[in-house]
Amino acid sequence: MVRVDEGVQPGLLRAGGARAQVADAIMANGALTHYDRPRIAQLCEKAGLYLRALQHYSDLPDIKRVIVNTHAIDPQQLVEFFGSLSAEWALECLRVRARARARRLRGPQGQLRRSVPRAASSCGSKSKS
């Protein structure tokens, strides 16, 4: 096991891209044992390594902020992560995900609600011709 000092660990993730993938592989192997978990979680989040960020955060507000990025997480890994949470936290995170998904589907001005009836009426008028 490797102990990573404060000066080295952020460099693994700060640059992103290939370095972030290397950092992800190192964490996947469990090679790091002593490091600043909250700092690494922040850097993982910034690098787009959302599952790693979730695995390192321990506060619900941080987890709720990251959980909306589930589009970038393998579904099986997401299920395993939810299994590691308490039932209360898992339900709260599911609520946050559902609200975020609803906002994405609606769009900034509720465009889905207005466009669906228009699309349905235009399809109906075309089929009558």
Protein backbone atom coordinates (compact mmCIF):
# COMPACT_ATOMS: atom_id res chain seq x y z
CA MET A 1 0.00 0.00 0.00
CA VAL A 2 1.14 3.52 -0.76
CA ARG A 3 0.92 6.58 1.41
CA VAL A 4 0.47 9.65 -0.76
CA ASP A 5 1.62 12.98 0.59
CA GLU A 6 -0.41 16.19 0.32
CA GLY A 7 1.75 17.64 -2.48
CA VAL A 8 1.50 14.66 -4.82
CA GLN A 9 -2.13 13.53 -4.56
CA PRO A 10 -3.84 16.55 -6.12
CA GLY A 11 -1.48 16.40 -9.11
CA LEU A 12 -2.95 13.04 -10.11
CA LEU A 13 -6.32 14.60 -10.82
CA ARG A 14 -5.77 18.31 -11.30
CA ALA A 15 -4.80 18.13 -14.96
CA GLY A 16 -7.71 15.85 -15.89
CA GLY A 17 -7.70 13.80 -19.07
CA ALA A 18 -5.17 10.98 -19.11
CA ARG A 19 -3.95 11.81 -15.62
CA ALA A 20 -7.48 11.45 -14.29
CA GLN A 21 -7.72 8.01 -15.88
CA VAL A 22 -4.43 7.01 -14.25
CA ALA A 23 -5.70 8.25 -10.90
CA ASP A 24 -8.93 6.29 -11.42
CA ALA A 25 -6.95 3.12 -12.11
CA ILE A 26 -4.79 3.64 -9.02
CA MET A 27 -7.88 4.09 -6.85
CA ALA A 28 -9.56 1.07 -8.44
CA ASN A 29 -6.60 -1.09 -7.42
CA GLY A 30 -6.89 0.09 -3.82
CA ALA A 31 -3.24 1.10 -3.89
CA LEU A 32 -3.77 4.25 -1.82
CA THR A 33 -4.43 4.00 1.89
CA HIS A 34 -3.65 7.34 3.53
CA TYR A 35 -4.81 10.45 1.72
CA ASP A 36 -7.12 13.42 2.05
CA ARG A 37 -10.43 11.82 1.04
CA PRO A 38 -12.49 15.05 0.80
CA ARG A 39 -9.82 16.72 -1.34
CA ILE A 40 -9.58 13.71 -3.64
CA ALA A 41 -13.39 13.61 -3.86
CA GLN A 42 -13.43 17.27 -4.98
CA LEU A 43 -10.78 16.62 -7.60
CA CYS A 44 -12.56 13.50 -8.85
CA GLU A 45 -15.76 15.50 -9.21
CA LYS A 46 -13.98 18.23 -11.18
CA ALA A 47 -12.32 15.61 -13.40
CA GLY A 48 -15.69 13.99 -14.18
CA LEU A 49 -14.95 10.84 -12.16
CA TYR A 50 -18.32 10.98 -10.47
CA LEU A 51 -18.39 7.45 -9.08
CA ARG A 52 -14.99 7.97 -7.44
CA ALA A 53 -16.20 11.28 -6.04
CA LEU A 54 -19.28 9.58 -4.58
CA GLN A 55 -17.10 6.85 -3.07
CA HIS A 56 -14.94 9.44 -1.32
CA TYR A 57 -17.53 11.92 -0.09
CA SER A 58 -19.05 11.25 3.31
CA ASP A 59 -21.45 14.21 3.65
CA LEU A 60 -24.98 14.03 2.23
CA PRO A 61 -24.93 17.52 0.63
CA ASP A 62 -21.81 16.57 -1.35
CA ILE A 63 -23.31 13.24 -2.41
CA LYS A 64 -26.56 14.92 -3.47
CA ARG A 65 -24.64 17.43 -5.59
CA VAL A 66 -22.75 14.67 -7.44
CA ILE A 67 -25.58 12.13 -7.73
CA VAL A 68 -27.29 14.13 -10.49
CA ASN A 69 -24.43 13.10 -12.81
CA THR A 70 -25.55 9.48 -12.96
CA HIS A 71 -25.54 9.61 -16.77
CA ALA A 72 -21.75 9.27 -16.48
CA ILE A 73 -21.80 6.28 -14.09
CA ASP A 74 -22.16 2.61 -15.02
CA PRO A 75 -25.65 1.50 -13.87
CA GLN A 76 -24.35 -1.58 -12.00
CA GLN A 77 -21.79 0.52 -10.12
CA LEU A 78 -24.51 3.02 -9.30
CA VAL A 79 -26.67 0.24 -7.83
CA GLU A 80 -23.72 -0.90 -5.72
CA PHE A 81 -23.15 2.65 -4.51
CA PHE A 82 -26.80 3.04 -3.51
CA GLY A 83 -26.48 -0.25 -1.63
CA SER A 84 -23.68 1.26 0.45
CA LEU A 85 -25.89 4.15 1.65
CA SER A 86 -28.34 4.08 4.51
CA ALA A 87 -31.96 3.69 3.41
CA GLU A 88 -32.69 7.31 4.39
CA TRP A 89 -29.75 8.71 2.38
CA ALA A 90 -30.51 6.46 -0.60
CA LEU A 91 -34.12 7.71 -0.73
CA GLU A 92 -33.01 11.33 -0.45
CA CYS A 93 -30.53 10.81 -3.30
CA LEU A 94 -33.22 9.17 -5.44
CA ARG A 95 -35.47 12.20 -4.86
CA VAL A 96 -32.66 14.53 -5.94
CA ARG A 97 -32.04 12.44 -9.08
CA ALA A 98 -35.75 12.41 -9.95
CA ARG A 99 -36.05 16.20 -9.59
CA ALA A 100 -32.93 16.74 -11.72
CA ARG A 101 -34.23 14.39 -14.41
CA ALA A 102 -37.61 16.12 -14.45
CA ARG A 103 -35.90 19.50 -14.85
CA ARG A 104 -33.81 18.16 -17.75
CA LEU A 105 -36.88 16.74 -19.48
CA ARG A 106 -38.87 19.94 -19.00
CA GLY A 107 -36.13 22.24 -20.13
CA PRO A 108 -35.50 25.71 -18.78
CA GLN A 109 -38.96 27.11 -19.57
CA GLY A 110 -41.01 23.93 -19.38
CA GLN A 111 -40.68 23.45 -23.12
CA LEU A 112 -41.66 19.78 -23.05
CA ARG A 113 -45.08 20.57 -21.64
CA ARG A 114 -45.80 23.10 -24.40
CA SER A 115 -44.28 21.20 -27.32
CA VAL A 116 -45.95 17.83 -26.74
CA PRO A 117 -49.52 19.12 -27.29
CA ARG A 118 -48.34 21.05 -30.37
CA ALA A 119 -46.65 17.96 -31.79
CA ALA A 120 -49.70 15.82 -31.10
CA SER A 121 -52.04 18.31 -32.76
CA SER A 122 -49.81 18.67 -35.80
CA CYS A 123 -49.57 14.88 -36.16
CA GLY A 124 -53.35 14.66 -35.89
CA SER A 125 -53.89 17.28 -38.56
CA LYS A 126 -51.46 15.59 -40.95
CA SER A 127 -53.11 12.20 -40.60
CA LYS A 128 -56.51 13.70 -41.49
CA SER A 129 -55.24 14.90 -44.89
